[in-house]
Amino acid sequence: MTTLWDHYALTTAYDEMRCPDNLARPSSDRLSQYLDNLDSHALDARKTAAEMAIIEMGITFTVYSDEGNIDRAWPFDIIPRIIEYRE
């Protein structure tokens, strides 16, 4: 059976959720299991809902170095960062 983590790209940077061997860190094991039980449509639906909420609430920022000073929606990652209590 294929899991979400089978194609997860690890880099040389520190990953808060996954160990270098692509196993879940103890602090993120429950979240990893939860995400693995979601299909791609459910995960995409949650991402879209978060993006729409940000747009509807008007949470934006402006990059003044860009021509026109256009407001942009705030980028948001639906997967939380897990920080252990001792950290």
Protein backbone atom coordinates (compact mmCIF):
# COMPACT_ATOMS: atom_id res chain seq x y z
CA MET A 1 0.00 0.00 0.00
CA THR A 2 1.32 3.44 -0.95
CA THR A 3 1.47 6.12 1.71
CA LEU A 4 1.78 9.87 1.61
CA TRP A 5 5.35 9.57 2.82
CA ASP A 6 6.55 7.21 0.07
CA HIS A 7 7.21 10.15 -2.25
CA TYR A 8 8.07 12.73 0.39
CA ALA A 9 11.20 14.57 -0.70
CA LEU A 10 13.77 14.88 2.06
CA THR A 11 16.60 17.35 1.65
CA THR A 12 19.74 18.06 3.62
CA ALA A 13 17.84 20.71 5.59
CA TYR A 14 16.40 19.82 8.99
CA ASP A 15 12.84 18.52 8.76
CA GLU A 16 10.64 19.02 11.83
CA MET A 17 8.37 16.09 10.95
CA ARG A 18 10.59 13.46 9.39
CA CYS A 19 13.95 11.91 10.28
CA PRO A 20 16.65 11.52 7.62
CA ASP A 21 15.46 7.92 7.12
CA ASN A 22 11.94 9.31 6.35
CA LEU A 23 10.40 7.96 9.54
CA ALA A 24 8.22 10.27 11.61
CA ARG A 25 9.93 12.01 14.48
CA PRO A 26 8.37 10.91 17.80
CA SER A 27 6.80 14.34 18.32
CA SER A 28 5.06 14.25 14.94
CA ASP A 29 4.08 10.59 14.76
CA ARG A 30 0.37 11.18 15.43
CA LEU A 31 0.20 14.02 12.90
CA SER A 32 2.03 11.90 10.31
CA GLN A 33 -0.47 9.08 10.82
CA TYR A 34 -3.42 11.48 10.56
CA LEU A 35 -2.12 13.00 7.33
CA ASP A 36 -1.42 9.55 5.92
CA ASN A 37 -5.08 8.65 6.43
CA LEU A 38 -6.25 11.60 4.32
CA ASP A 39 -6.52 11.12 0.60
CA SER A 40 -5.14 13.80 -1.73
CA HIS A 41 -8.62 15.24 -2.34
CA ALA A 42 -9.23 15.77 1.40
CA LEU A 43 -5.84 17.43 1.83
CA ASP A 44 -6.42 19.65 -1.22
CA ALA A 45 -9.88 20.61 0.09
CA ARG A 46 -8.38 21.70 3.41
CA LYS A 47 -5.69 23.72 1.61
CA THR A 48 -8.27 25.41 -0.62
CA ALA A 49 -10.51 26.21 2.37
CA ALA A 50 -7.59 27.82 4.22
CA GLU A 51 -6.60 29.86 1.17
CA MET A 52 -10.20 31.04 0.65
CA ALA A 53 -10.53 32.03 4.32
CA ILE A 54 -7.36 34.11 4.08
CA ILE A 55 -8.65 35.88 0.97
CA GLU A 56 -12.13 36.44 2.44
CA MET A 57 -10.69 37.89 5.66
CA GLY A 58 -8.38 40.15 3.69
CA ILE A 59 -5.17 38.88 5.26
CA THR A 60 -2.65 40.36 2.86
CA PHE A 61 0.76 41.94 2.63
CA THR A 62 2.30 44.31 0.13
CA VAL A 63 5.68 43.96 -1.52
CA TYR A 64 6.66 47.57 -2.03
CA SER A 65 9.61 46.71 -4.25
CA ASP A 66 7.21 45.27 -6.86
CA GLU A 67 5.79 47.68 -9.39
CA GLY A 68 2.24 48.63 -8.48
CA ASN A 69 2.47 47.68 -4.78
CA ILE A 70 -0.03 44.86 -5.23
CA ASP A 71 -1.55 43.25 -2.14
CA ARG A 72 -0.93 39.52 -1.94
CA ALA A 73 -2.66 36.84 0.09
CA TRP A 74 -0.64 35.70 3.08
CA PRO A 75 1.03 32.32 2.38
CA PHE A 76 -0.19 29.65 4.77
CA ASP A 77 0.90 26.07 5.34
CA ILE A 78 -1.98 23.88 6.51
CA ILE A 79 0.42 21.39 8.08
CA PRO A 80 1.47 22.72 11.49
CA ARG A 81 5.05 22.76 12.70
CA ILE A 82 5.49 20.47 15.68
CA ILE A 83 7.79 21.90 18.32
CA GLU A 84 8.57 19.72 21.31
CA TYR A 85 8.01 21.16 24.76
CA ARG A 86 11.71 21.00 25.65
CA GLU A 87 12.56 23.12 22.59
